[in-house]
Amino acid sequence: MASGDRSRAENMTTITPNKRQTIRGVVASAKGATTITVVVEQMYKHPKYGKYVRRSKKYMAHDPENVAQSGDTVELEATRPISKRKRWRLVRVLERARLSPEIHRGEP
């Protein structure tokens, strides 16, 4: 291998890793040991009628430290398959859920 080929090969190995896909949503359930269910809503304009349609999808995400609670707005990142349905992991909690005083005290 010539010296020119070596420098070219070294430059090829310094490729930065790909940025992983991230999504934001609201925690619907945090009842699992290390699993949260996040609902992600998407709004798009209907191609024919022009009305805005709201679609939602549920994602199972890995939360090893049990940081997220129900109602929190969170950011998820794509990762390797952790279980049958978990392909996302919790990156951070963007906003905590606001509980009303009645719910916080346990009153109906």
PDB file of N, CA and C in Angstrom:
ATOM      1  N   MET A   1       0.849  -1.174   0.000  1.00  0.00           N
ATOM      2  CA  MET A   1       0.000   0.000   0.000  1.00  0.00           C
ATOM      3  C   MET A   1       0.889   1.230   0.000  1.00  0.00           C
ATOM      4  N   ALA A   2       0.671   2.112  -0.918  1.00  0.00           N
ATOM      5  CA  ALA A   2       1.476   3.327  -1.030  1.00  0.00           C
ATOM      6  C   ALA A   2       1.069   4.311   0.060  1.00  0.00           C
ATOM      7  N   SER A   3       1.936   5.302   0.282  1.00  0.00           N
ATOM      8  CA  SER A   3       1.652   6.265   1.351  1.00  0.00           C
ATOM      9  C   SER A   3       0.390   7.073   1.055  1.00  0.00           C
ATOM     10  N   GLY A   4       0.110   7.351  -0.211  1.00  0.00           N
ATOM     11  CA  GLY A   4      -1.107   8.083  -0.574  1.00  0.00           C
ATOM     12  C   GLY A   4      -2.356   7.269  -0.270  1.00  0.00           C
ATOM     13  N   ASP A   5      -2.271   5.948  -0.505  1.00  0.00           N
ATOM     14  CA  ASP A   5      -3.415   5.079  -0.224  1.00  0.00           C
ATOM     15  C   ASP A   5      -3.673   4.978   1.271  1.00  0.00           C
ATOM     16  N   ARG A   6      -2.605   4.965   2.062  1.00  0.00           N
ATOM     17  CA  ARG A   6      -2.750   4.842   3.505  1.00  0.00           C
ATOM     18  C   ARG A   6      -3.466   6.066   4.083  1.00  0.00           C
ATOM     19  N   SER A   7      -3.083   7.253   3.654  1.00  0.00           N
ATOM     20  CA  SER A   7      -3.722   8.454   4.194  1.00  0.00           C
ATOM     21  C   SER A   7      -5.195   8.509   3.783  1.00  0.00           C
ATOM     22  N   ARG A   8      -5.486   8.047   2.584  1.00  0.00           N
ATOM     23  CA  ARG A   8      -6.875   8.025   2.135  1.00  0.00           C
ATOM     24  C   ARG A   8      -7.686   7.035   2.971  1.00  0.00           C
ATOM     25  N   ALA A   9      -7.115   5.879   3.287  1.00  0.00           N
ATOM     26  CA  ALA A   9      -7.799   4.874   4.096  1.00  0.00           C
ATOM     27  C   ALA A   9      -8.014   5.384   5.517  1.00  0.00           C
ATOM     28  N   GLU A  10      -7.038   6.110   6.066  1.00  0.00           N
ATOM     29  CA  GLU A  10      -7.192   6.647   7.419  1.00  0.00           C
ATOM     30  C   GLU A  10      -8.299   7.692   7.457  1.00  0.00           C
ATOM     31  N   ASN A  11      -8.404   8.497   6.403  1.00  0.00           N
ATOM     32  CA  ASN A  11      -9.461   9.495   6.351  1.00  0.00           C
ATOM     33  C   ASN A  11     -10.840   8.844   6.275  1.00  0.00           C
ATOM     34  N   MET A  12     -10.934   7.706   5.646  1.00  0.00           N
ATOM     35  CA  MET A  12     -12.219   7.035   5.510  1.00  0.00           C
ATOM     36  C   MET A  12     -12.697   6.460   6.838  1.00  0.00           C
ATOM     37  N   THR A  13     -11.809   6.136   7.747  1.00  0.00           N
ATOM     38  CA  THR A  13     -12.209   5.549   9.023  1.00  0.00           C
ATOM     39  C   THR A  13     -12.639   6.595  10.042  1.00  0.00           C
ATOM     40  N   THR A  14     -12.469   7.871   9.756  1.00  0.00           N
ATOM     41  CA  THR A  14     -12.843   8.907  10.711  1.00  0.00           C
ATOM     42  C   THR A  14     -14.245   9.447  10.441  1.00  0.00           C
ATOM     43  N   ILE A  15     -15.113   8.597   9.939  1.00  0.00           N
ATOM     44  CA  ILE A  15     -16.489   9.002   9.659  1.00  0.00           C
ATOM     45  C   ILE A  15     -17.244   9.131  10.976  1.00  0.00           C
ATOM     46  N   THR A  16     -17.998  10.205  11.115  1.00  0.00           N
ATOM     47  CA  THR A  16     -18.766  10.404  12.345  1.00  0.00           C
ATOM     48  C   THR A  16     -19.970   9.476  12.347  1.00  0.00           C
ATOM     49  N   PRO A  17     -20.403   9.041  13.531  1.00  0.00           N
ATOM     50  CA  PRO A  17     -21.548   8.134  13.595  1.00  0.00           C
ATOM     51  C   PRO A  17     -22.840   8.840  13.174  1.00  0.00           C
ATOM     52  N   ASN A  18     -23.775   8.053  12.684  1.00  0.00           N
ATOM     53  CA  ASN A  18     -25.054   8.609  12.250  1.00  0.00           C
ATOM     54  C   ASN A  18     -25.848   9.129  13.439  1.00  0.00           C
ATOM     55  N   LYS A  19     -26.585  10.193  13.208  1.00  0.00           N
ATOM     56  CA  LYS A  19     -27.452  10.727  14.246  1.00  0.00           C
ATOM     57  C   LYS A  19     -28.704   9.865  14.298  1.00  0.00           C
ATOM     58  N   ARG A  20     -29.060   9.437  15.494  1.00  0.00           N
ATOM     59  CA  ARG A  20     -30.210   8.556  15.634  1.00  0.00           C
ATOM     60  C   ARG A  20     -31.515   9.342  15.591  1.00  0.00           C
ATOM     61  N   GLN A  21     -32.547   8.676  15.162  1.00  0.00           N
ATOM     62  CA  GLN A  21     -33.861   9.299  15.054  1.00  0.00           C
ATOM     63  C   GLN A  21     -34.412   9.595  16.450  1.00  0.00           C
ATOM     64  N   THR A  22     -34.997  10.773  16.636  1.00  0.00           N
ATOM     65  CA  THR A  22     -35.606  11.139  17.913  1.00  0.00           C
ATOM     66  C   THR A  22     -37.050  11.548  17.676  1.00  0.00           C
ATOM     67  N   ILE A  23     -37.889  11.276  18.676  1.00  0.00           N
ATOM     68  CA  ILE A  23     -39.293  11.679  18.640  1.00  0.00           C
ATOM     69  C   ILE A  23     -39.683  12.224  20.006  1.00  0.00           C
ATOM     70  N   ARG A  24     -40.739  13.047  20.026  1.00  0.00           N
ATOM     71  CA  ARG A  24     -41.241  13.612  21.280  1.00  0.00           C
ATOM     72  C   ARG A  24     -42.685  13.193  21.457  1.00  0.00           C
ATOM     73  N   GLY A  25     -43.057  12.919  22.697  1.00  0.00           N
ATOM     74  CA  GLY A  25     -44.425  12.505  22.969  1.00  0.00           C
ATOM     75  C   GLY A  25     -44.744  12.611  24.442  1.00  0.00           C
ATOM     76  N   VAL A  26     -45.942  12.160  24.799  1.00  0.00           N
ATOM     77  CA  VAL A  26     -46.428  12.223  26.177  1.00  0.00           C
ATOM     78  C   VAL A  26     -46.523  10.809  26.721  1.00  0.00           C
ATOM     79  N   VAL A  27     -46.054  10.610  27.951  1.00  0.00           N
ATOM     80  CA  VAL A  27     -46.075   9.294  28.580  1.00  0.00           C
ATOM     81  C   VAL A  27     -47.523   8.940  28.914  1.00  0.00           C
ATOM     82  N   ALA A  28     -48.001   7.826  28.360  1.00  0.00           N
ATOM     83  CA  ALA A  28     -49.359   7.368  28.632  1.00  0.00           C
ATOM     84  C   ALA A  28     -49.383   6.416  29.818  1.00  0.00           C
ATOM     85  N   SER A  29     -48.320   5.634  29.987  1.00  0.00           N
ATOM     86  CA  SER A  29     -48.265   4.659  31.064  1.00  0.00           C
ATOM     87  C   SER A  29     -46.813   4.458  31.485  1.00  0.00           C
ATOM     88  N   ALA A  30     -46.613   4.391  32.795  1.00  0.00           N
ATOM     89  CA  ALA A  30     -45.279   4.122  33.340  1.00  0.00           C
ATOM     90  C   ALA A  30     -45.372   2.997  34.363  1.00  0.00           C
ATOM     91  N   LYS A  31     -46.213   2.020  34.089  1.00  0.00           N
ATOM     92  CA  LYS A  31     -46.473   0.951  35.051  1.00  0.00           C
ATOM     93  C   LYS A  31     -45.464  -0.185  34.976  1.00  0.00           C
ATOM     94  N   GLY A  32     -44.731  -0.297  33.880  1.00  0.00           N
ATOM     95  CA  GLY A  32     -43.755  -1.367  33.742  1.00  0.00           C
ATOM     96  C   GLY A  32     -42.524  -1.116  34.604  1.00  0.00           C
ATOM     97  N   ALA A  33     -41.752  -2.153  34.839  1.00  0.00           N
ATOM     98  CA  ALA A  33     -40.555  -2.030  35.680  1.00  0.00           C
ATOM     99  C   ALA A  33     -39.545  -1.065  35.065  1.00  0.00           C
ATOM    100  N   THR A  34     -39.252  -1.235  33.796  1.00  0.00           N
ATOM    101  CA  THR A  34     -38.322  -0.333  33.110  1.00  0.00           C
ATOM    102  C   THR A  34     -38.887   0.101  31.763  1.00  0.00           C
ATOM    103  N   THR A  35     -40.200   0.079  31.632  1.00  0.00           N
ATOM    104  CA  THR A  35     -40.845   0.385  30.356  1.00  0.00           C
ATOM    105  C   THR A  35     -41.856   1.504  30.515  1.00  0.00           C
ATOM    106  N   ILE A  36     -41.866   2.419  29.554  1.00  0.00           N
ATOM    107  CA  ILE A  36     -42.899   3.440  29.493  1.00  0.00           C
ATOM    108  C   ILE A  36     -43.573   3.350  28.123  1.00  0.00           C
ATOM    109  N   THR A  37     -44.847   3.737  28.080  1.00  0.00           N
ATOM    110  CA  THR A  37     -45.585   3.804  26.826  1.00  0.00           C
ATOM    111  C   THR A  37     -45.782   5.276  26.501  1.00  0.00           C
ATOM    112  N   VAL A  38     -45.339   5.674  25.320  1.00  0.00           N
ATOM    113  CA  VAL A  38     -45.382   7.082  24.921  1.00  0.00           C
ATOM    114  C   VAL A  38     -46.301   7.224  23.714  1.00  0.00           C
ATOM    115  N   VAL A  39     -47.198   8.218  23.776  1.00  0.00           N
ATOM    116  CA  VAL A  39     -48.097   8.512  22.670  1.00  0.00           C
ATOM    117  C   VAL A  39     -47.539   9.703  21.908  1.00  0.00           C
ATOM    118  N   VAL A  40     -47.324   9.516  20.604  1.00  0.00           N
ATOM    119  CA  VAL A  40     -46.806  10.574  19.741  1.00  0.00           C
ATOM    120  C   VAL A  40     -47.925  10.961  18.778  1.00  0.00           C
ATOM    121  N   GLU A  41     -48.303  12.247  18.799  1.00  0.00           N
ATOM    122  CA  GLU A  41     -49.358  12.728  17.919  1.00  0.00           C
ATOM    123  C   GLU A  41     -48.751  13.439  16.715  1.00  0.00           C
ATOM    124  N   GLN A  42     -49.370  13.227  15.561  1.00  0.00           N
ATOM    125  CA  GLN A  42     -48.917  13.843  14.326  1.00  0.00           C
ATOM    126  C   GLN A  42     -50.125  14.480  13.656  1.00  0.00           C
ATOM    127  N   MET A  43     -49.968  15.721  13.219  1.00  0.00           N
ATOM    128  CA  MET A  43     -51.034  16.388  12.475  1.00  0.00           C
ATOM    129  C   MET A  43     -50.552  16.607  11.047  1.00  0.00           C
ATOM    130  N   TYR A  44     -51.425  16.297  10.090  1.00  0.00           N
ATOM    131  CA  TYR A  44     -51.079  16.530   8.700  1.00  0.00           C
ATOM    132  C   TYR A  44     -52.328  16.998   7.960  1.00  0.00           C
ATOM    133  N   LYS A  45     -52.119  17.649   6.877  1.00  0.00           N
ATOM    134  CA  LYS A  45     -53.213  18.162   6.068  1.00  0.00           C
ATOM    135  C   LYS A  45     -53.671  17.078   5.095  1.00  0.00           C
ATOM    136  N   HIS A  46     -54.979  16.807   5.076  1.00  0.00           N
ATOM    137  CA  HIS A  46     -55.525  15.795   4.175  1.00  0.00           C
ATOM    138  C   HIS A  46     -55.312  16.255   2.731  1.00  0.00           C
ATOM    139  N   PRO A  47     -54.778  15.364   1.877  1.00  0.00           N
ATOM    140  CA  PRO A  47     -54.435  15.792   0.525  1.00  0.00           C
ATOM    141  C   PRO A  47     -55.638  16.246  -0.316  1.00  0.00           C
ATOM    142  N   LYS A  48     -56.803  15.645  -0.112  1.00  0.00           N
ATOM    143  CA  LYS A  48     -57.957  15.988  -0.937  1.00  0.00           C
ATOM    144  C   LYS A  48     -58.826  17.074  -0.312  1.00  0.00           C
ATOM    145  N   TYR A  49     -59.116  16.935   0.990  1.00  0.00           N
ATOM    146  CA  TYR A  49     -60.088  17.819   1.629  1.00  0.00           C
ATOM    147  C   TYR A  49     -59.470  19.018   2.330  1.00  0.00           C
ATOM    148  N   GLY A  50     -58.188  18.985   2.589  1.00  0.00           N
ATOM    149  CA  GLY A  50     -57.520  20.132   3.190  1.00  0.00           C
ATOM    150  C   GLY A  50     -57.702  20.251   4.686  1.00  0.00           C
ATOM    151  N   LYS A  51     -58.465  19.358   5.278  1.00  0.00           N
ATOM    152  CA  LYS A  51     -58.677  19.397   6.724  1.00  0.00           C
ATOM    153  C   LYS A  51     -57.461  18.791   7.427  1.00  0.00           C
ATOM    154  N   TYR A  52     -57.135  19.344   8.589  1.00  0.00           N
ATOM    155  CA  TYR A  52     -56.021  18.804   9.358  1.00  0.00           C
ATOM    156  C   TYR A  52     -56.488  17.585  10.141  1.00  0.00           C
ATOM    157  N   VAL A  53     -55.774  16.486   9.975  1.00  0.00           N
ATOM    158  CA  VAL A  53     -56.112  15.219  10.607  1.00  0.00           C
ATOM    159  C   VAL A  53     -55.073  14.928  11.678  1.00  0.00           C
ATOM    160  N   ARG A  54     -55.534  14.459  12.826  1.00  0.00           N
ATOM    161  CA  ARG A  54     -54.645  14.142  13.927  1.00  0.00           C
ATOM    162  C   ARG A  54     -54.513  12.625  14.044  1.00  0.00           C
ATOM    163  N   ARG A  55     -53.292  12.143  13.976  1.00  0.00           N
ATOM    164  CA  ARG A  55     -52.999  10.716  14.124  1.00  0.00           C
ATOM    165  C   ARG A  55     -52.104  10.525  15.341  1.00  0.00           C
ATOM    166  N   SER A  56     -52.294   9.416  16.046  1.00  0.00           N
ATOM    167  CA  SER A  56     -51.429   9.133  17.185  1.00  0.00           C
ATOM    168  C   SER A  56     -50.930   7.698  17.087  1.00  0.00           C
ATOM    169  N   LYS A  57     -49.759   7.489  17.656  1.00  0.00           N
ATOM    170  CA  LYS A  57     -49.136   6.177  17.644  1.00  0.00           C
ATOM    171  C   LYS A  57     -48.457   5.958  18.988  1.00  0.00           C
ATOM    172  N   LYS A  58     -48.522   4.721  19.489  1.00  0.00           N
ATOM    173  CA  LYS A  58     -47.912   4.391  20.775  1.00  0.00           C
ATOM    174  C   LYS A  58     -46.555   3.725  20.549  1.00  0.00           C
ATOM    175  N   TYR A  59     -45.595   4.118  21.355  1.00  0.00           N
ATOM    176  CA  TYR A  59     -44.261   3.528  21.322  1.00  0.00           C
ATOM    177  C   TYR A  59     -43.913   3.025  22.713  1.00  0.00           C
ATOM    178  N   MET A  60     -43.292   1.852  22.770  1.00  0.00           N
ATOM    179  CA  MET A  60     -42.760   1.332  24.030  1.00  0.00           C
ATOM    180  C   MET A  60     -41.303   1.769  24.104  1.00  0.00           C
ATOM    181  N   ALA A  61     -40.906   2.308  25.259  1.00  0.00           N
ATOM    182  CA  ALA A  61     -39.550   2.828  25.396  1.00  0.00           C
ATOM    183  C   ALA A  61     -38.910   2.315  26.679  1.00  0.00           C
ATOM    184  N   HIS A  62     -37.597   2.241  26.666  1.00  0.00           N
ATOM    185  CA  HIS A  62     -36.818   1.756  27.804  1.00  0.00           C
ATOM    186  C   HIS A  62     -36.482   2.924  28.728  1.00  0.00           C
ATOM    187  N   ASP A  63     -36.847   2.795  29.996  1.00  0.00           N
ATOM    188  CA  ASP A  63     -36.562   3.796  31.023  1.00  0.00           C
ATOM    189  C   ASP A  63     -35.929   3.072  32.210  1.00  0.00           C
ATOM    190  N   PRO A  64     -34.614   2.806  32.180  1.00  0.00           N
ATOM    191  CA  PRO A  64     -33.990   1.968  33.202  1.00  0.00           C
ATOM    192  C   PRO A  64     -34.000   2.571  34.603  1.00  0.00           C
ATOM    193  N   GLU A  65     -34.036   3.901  34.710  1.00  0.00           N
ATOM    194  CA  GLU A  65     -34.003   4.543  36.029  1.00  0.00           C
ATOM    195  C   GLU A  65     -35.380   4.948  36.519  1.00  0.00           C
ATOM    196  N   ASN A  66     -36.431   4.628  35.795  1.00  0.00           N
ATOM    197  CA  ASN A  66     -37.817   4.971  36.146  1.00  0.00           C
ATOM    198  C   ASN A  66     -37.977   6.452  36.447  1.00  0.00           C
ATOM    199  N   VAL A  67     -37.471   7.285  35.563  1.00  0.00           N
ATOM    200  CA  VAL A  67     -37.512   8.737  35.730  1.00  0.00           C
ATOM    201  C   VAL A  67     -38.856   9.300  35.295  1.00  0.00           C
ATOM    202  N   ALA A  68     -39.392   8.808  34.177  1.00  0.00           N
ATOM    203  CA  ALA A  68     -40.611   9.367  33.598  1.00  0.00           C
ATOM    204  C   ALA A  68     -41.846   8.898  34.348  1.00  0.00           C
ATOM    205  N   GLN A  69     -42.817   9.798  34.442  1.00  0.00           N
ATOM    206  CA  GLN A  69     -44.102   9.495  35.059  1.00  0.00           C
ATOM    207  C   GLN A  69     -45.197   9.746  34.043  1.00  0.00           C
ATOM    208  N   SER A  70     -46.374   9.253  34.315  1.00  0.00           N
ATOM    209  CA  SER A  70     -47.497   9.422  33.411  1.00  0.00           C
ATOM    210  C   SER A  70     -47.823  10.905  33.233  1.00  0.00           C
ATOM    211  N   GLY A  71     -47.971  11.333  31.981  1.00  0.00           N
ATOM    212  CA  GLY A  71     -48.282  12.721  31.676  1.00  0.00           C
ATOM    213  C   GLY A  71     -47.072  13.571  31.335  1.00  0.00           C
ATOM    214  N   ASP A  72     -45.859  13.084  31.556  1.00  0.00           N
ATOM    215  CA  ASP A  72     -44.645  13.834  31.236  1.00  0.00           C
ATOM    216  C   ASP A  72     -44.437  13.901  29.728  1.00  0.00           C
ATOM    217  N   THR A  73     -43.877  15.005  29.259  1.00  0.00           N
ATOM    218  CA  THR A  73     -43.460  15.122  27.868  1.00  0.00           C
ATOM    219  C   THR A  73     -42.005  14.694  27.799  1.00  0.00           C
ATOM    220  N   VAL A  74     -41.704  13.726  26.931  1.00  0.00           N
ATOM    221  CA  VAL A  74     -40.365  13.136  26.891  1.00  0.00           C
ATOM    222  C   VAL A  74     -39.822  13.111  25.477  1.00  0.00           C
ATOM    223  N   GLU A  75     -38.510  12.902  25.388  1.00  0.00           N
ATOM    224  CA  GLU A  75     -37.834  12.725  24.112  1.00  0.00           C
ATOM    225  C   GLU A  75     -37.271  11.315  24.073  1.00  0.00           C
ATOM    226  N   LEU A  76     -37.534  10.602  22.965  1.00  0.00           N
ATOM    227  CA  LEU A  76     -37.065   9.234  22.789  1.00  0.00           C
ATOM    228  C   LEU A  76     -36.061   9.180  21.647  1.00  0.00           C
ATOM    229  N   GLU A  77     -35.186   8.174  21.730  1.00  0.00           N
ATOM    230  CA  GLU A  77     -34.177   7.974  20.695  1.00  0.00           C
ATOM    231  C   GLU A  77     -34.224   6.523  20.242  1.00  0.00           C
ATOM    232  N   ALA A  78     -34.104   6.306  18.941  1.00  0.00           N
ATOM    233  CA  ALA A  78     -34.104   4.948  18.391  1.00  0.00           C
ATOM    234  C   ALA A  78     -32.867   4.198  18.874  1.00  0.00           C
ATOM    235  N   THR A  79     -33.021   2.914  19.146  1.00  0.00           N
ATOM    236  CA  THR A  79     -31.918   2.095  19.632  1.00  0.00           C
ATOM    237  C   THR A  79     -32.091   0.665  19.117  1.00  0.00           C
ATOM    238  N   ARG A  80     -31.188  -0.186  19.480  1.00  0.00           N
ATOM    239  CA  ARG A  80     -31.286  -1.593  19.082  1.00  0.00           C
ATOM    240  C   ARG A  80     -32.526  -2.207  19.748  1.00  0.00           C
ATOM    241  N   PRO A  81     -33.045  -3.310  19.234  1.00  0.00           N
ATOM    242  CA  PRO A  81     -34.204  -3.944  19.868  1.00  0.00           C
ATOM    243  C   PRO A  81     -33.867  -4.418  21.283  1.00  0.00           C
ATOM    244  N   ILE A  82     -34.645  -3.960  22.258  1.00  0.00           N
ATOM    245  CA  ILE A  82     -34.426  -4.334  23.659  1.00  0.00           C
ATOM    246  C   ILE A  82     -35.330  -5.501  24.027  1.00  0.00           C
ATOM    247  N   SER A  83     -36.536  -5.528  23.485  1.00  0.00           N
ATOM    248  CA  SER A  83     -37.448  -6.643  23.672  1.00  0.00           C
ATOM    249  C   SER A  83     -38.314  -6.750  22.421  1.00  0.00           C
ATOM    250  N   LYS A  84     -39.397  -7.505  22.511  1.00  0.00           N
ATOM    251  CA  LYS A  84     -40.239  -7.730  21.331  1.00  0.00           C
ATOM    252  C   LYS A  84     -40.788  -6.420  20.765  1.00  0.00           C
ATOM    253  N   ARG A  85     -41.196  -5.479  21.629  1.00  0.00           N
ATOM    254  CA  ARG A  85     -41.811  -4.235  21.157  1.00  0.00           C
ATOM    255  C   ARG A  85     -41.015  -2.983  21.485  1.00  0.00           C
ATOM    256  N   LYS A  86     -39.955  -3.100  22.269  1.00  0.00           N
ATOM    257  CA  LYS A  86     -39.173  -1.917  22.648  1.00  0.00           C
ATOM    258  C   LYS A  86     -38.029  -1.678  21.671  1.00  0.00           C
ATOM    259  N   ARG A  87     -38.105  -0.543  20.948  1.00  0.00           N
ATOM    260  CA  ARG A  87     -37.050  -0.143  20.013  1.00  0.00           C
ATOM    261  C   ARG A  87     -36.587   1.280  20.301  1.00  0.00           C
ATOM    262  N   TRP A  88     -37.049   1.869  21.381  1.00  0.00           N
ATOM    263  CA  TRP A  88     -36.746   3.250  21.724  1.00  0.00           C
ATOM    264  C   TRP A  88     -36.261   3.317  23.168  1.00  0.00           C
ATOM    265  N   ARG A  89     -35.468   4.348  23.467  1.00  0.00           N
ATOM    266  CA  ARG A  89     -35.028   4.556  24.848  1.00  0.00           C
ATOM    267  C   ARG A  89     -35.253   6.015  25.226  1.00  0.00           C
ATOM    268  N   LEU A  90     -35.466   6.235  26.501  1.00  0.00           N
ATOM    269  CA  LEU A  90     -35.713   7.583  27.008  1.00  0.00           C
ATOM    270  C   LEU A  90     -34.416   8.377  27.013  1.00  0.00           C
ATOM    271  N   VAL A  91     -34.437   9.570  26.416  1.00  0.00           N
ATOM    272  CA  VAL A  91     -33.273  10.444  26.410  1.00  0.00           C
ATOM    273  C   VAL A  91     -33.373  11.417  27.570  1.00  0.00           C
ATOM    274  N   ARG A  92     -34.527  12.127  27.663  1.00  0.00           N
ATOM    275  CA  ARG A  92     -34.717  13.083  28.750  1.00  0.00           C
ATOM    276  C   ARG A  92     -36.192  13.421  28.882  1.00  0.00           C
ATOM    277  N   VAL A  93     -36.522  13.935  30.055  1.00  0.00           N
ATOM    278  CA  VAL A  93     -37.873  14.436  30.316  1.00  0.00           C
ATOM    279  C   VAL A  93     -37.864  15.918  29.987  1.00  0.00           C
ATOM    280  N   LEU A  94     -38.692  16.323  29.027  1.00  0.00           N
ATOM    281  CA  LEU A  94     -38.726  17.720  28.605  1.00  0.00           C
ATOM    282  C   LEU A  94     -39.582  18.567  29.535  1.00  0.00           C
ATOM    283  N   GLU A  95     -40.719  18.015  29.970  1.00  0.00           N
ATOM    284  CA  GLU A  95     -41.631  18.766  30.836  1.00  0.00           C
ATOM    285  C   GLU A  95     -42.358  17.792  31.742  1.00  0.00           C
ATOM    286  N   ARG A  96     -42.399  18.109  33.019  1.00  0.00           N
ATOM    287  CA  ARG A  96     -43.097  17.271  33.996  1.00  0.00           C
ATOM    288  C   ARG A  96     -44.599  17.495  33.892  1.00  0.00           C
ATOM    289  N   ALA A  97     -45.373  16.478  34.253  1.00  0.00           N
ATOM    290  CA  ALA A  97     -46.832  16.580  34.232  1.00  0.00           C
ATOM    291  C   ALA A  97     -47.283  17.477  35.380  1.00  0.00           C
ATOM    292  N   ARG A  98     -48.296  18.275  35.093  1.00  0.00           N
ATOM    293  CA  ARG A  98     -48.865  19.139  36.129  1.00  0.00           C
ATOM    294  C   ARG A  98     -50.081  18.441  36.702  1.00  0.00           C
ATOM    295  N   LEU A  99     -50.060  18.183  37.992  1.00  0.00           N
ATOM    296  CA  LEU A  99     -51.178  17.532  38.652  1.00  0.00           C
ATOM    297  C   LEU A  99     -52.045  18.583  39.323  1.00  0.00           C
ATOM    298  N   SER A 100     -53.350  18.398  39.231  1.00  0.00           N
ATOM    299  CA  SER A 100     -54.248  19.318  39.917  1.00  0.00           C
ATOM    300  C   SER A 100     -54.203  19.025  41.412  1.00  0.00           C
ATOM    301  N   PRO A 101     -54.538  19.998  42.277  1.00  0.00           N
ATOM    302  CA  PRO A 101     -54.476  19.786  43.722  1.00  0.00           C
ATOM    303  C   PRO A 101     -55.375  18.635  44.187  1.00  0.00           C
ATOM    304  N   GLU A 102     -56.522  18.435  43.543  1.00  0.00           N
ATOM    305  CA  GLU A 102     -57.427  17.352  43.957  1.00  0.00           C
ATOM    306  C   GLU A 102     -56.803  15.986  43.715  1.00  0.00           C
ATOM    307  N   ILE A 103     -56.159  15.840  42.579  1.00  0.00           N
ATOM    308  CA  ILE A 103     -55.529  14.562  42.263  1.00  0.00           C
ATOM    309  C   ILE A 103     -54.324  14.332  43.172  1.00  0.00           C
ATOM    310  N   HIS A 104     -53.570  15.379  43.428  1.00  0.00           N
ATOM    311  CA  HIS A 104     -52.377  15.244  44.260  1.00  0.00           C
ATOM    312  C   HIS A 104     -52.721  14.814  45.693  1.00  0.00           C
ATOM    313  N   ARG A 105     -53.827  15.292  46.241  1.00  0.00           N
ATOM    314  CA  ARG A 105     -54.240  14.951  47.604  1.00  0.00           C
ATOM    315  C   ARG A 105     -54.985  13.640  47.659  1.00  0.00           C
ATOM    316  N   GLY A 106     -55.378  13.107  46.496  1.00  0.00           N
ATOM    317  CA  GLY A 106     -56.081  11.837  46.474  1.00  0.00           C
ATOM    318  C   GLY A 106     -57.579  12.006  46.653  1.00  0.00           C
ATOM    319  N   GLU A 107     -58.124  13.204  46.489  1.00  0.00           N
ATOM    320  CA  GLU A 107     -59.554  13.425  46.625  1.00  0.00           C
ATOM    321  C   GLU A 107     -60.229  13.201  45.282  1.00  0.00           C
ATOM    322  N   PRO A 108     -61.486  12.740  45.287  1.00  0.00           N
ATOM    323  CA  PRO A 108     -62.196  12.526  44.013  1.00  0.00           C
ATOM    324  C   PRO A 108     -62.609  13.791  43.342  1.00  0.00           C
TER     325      PRO A 108
END
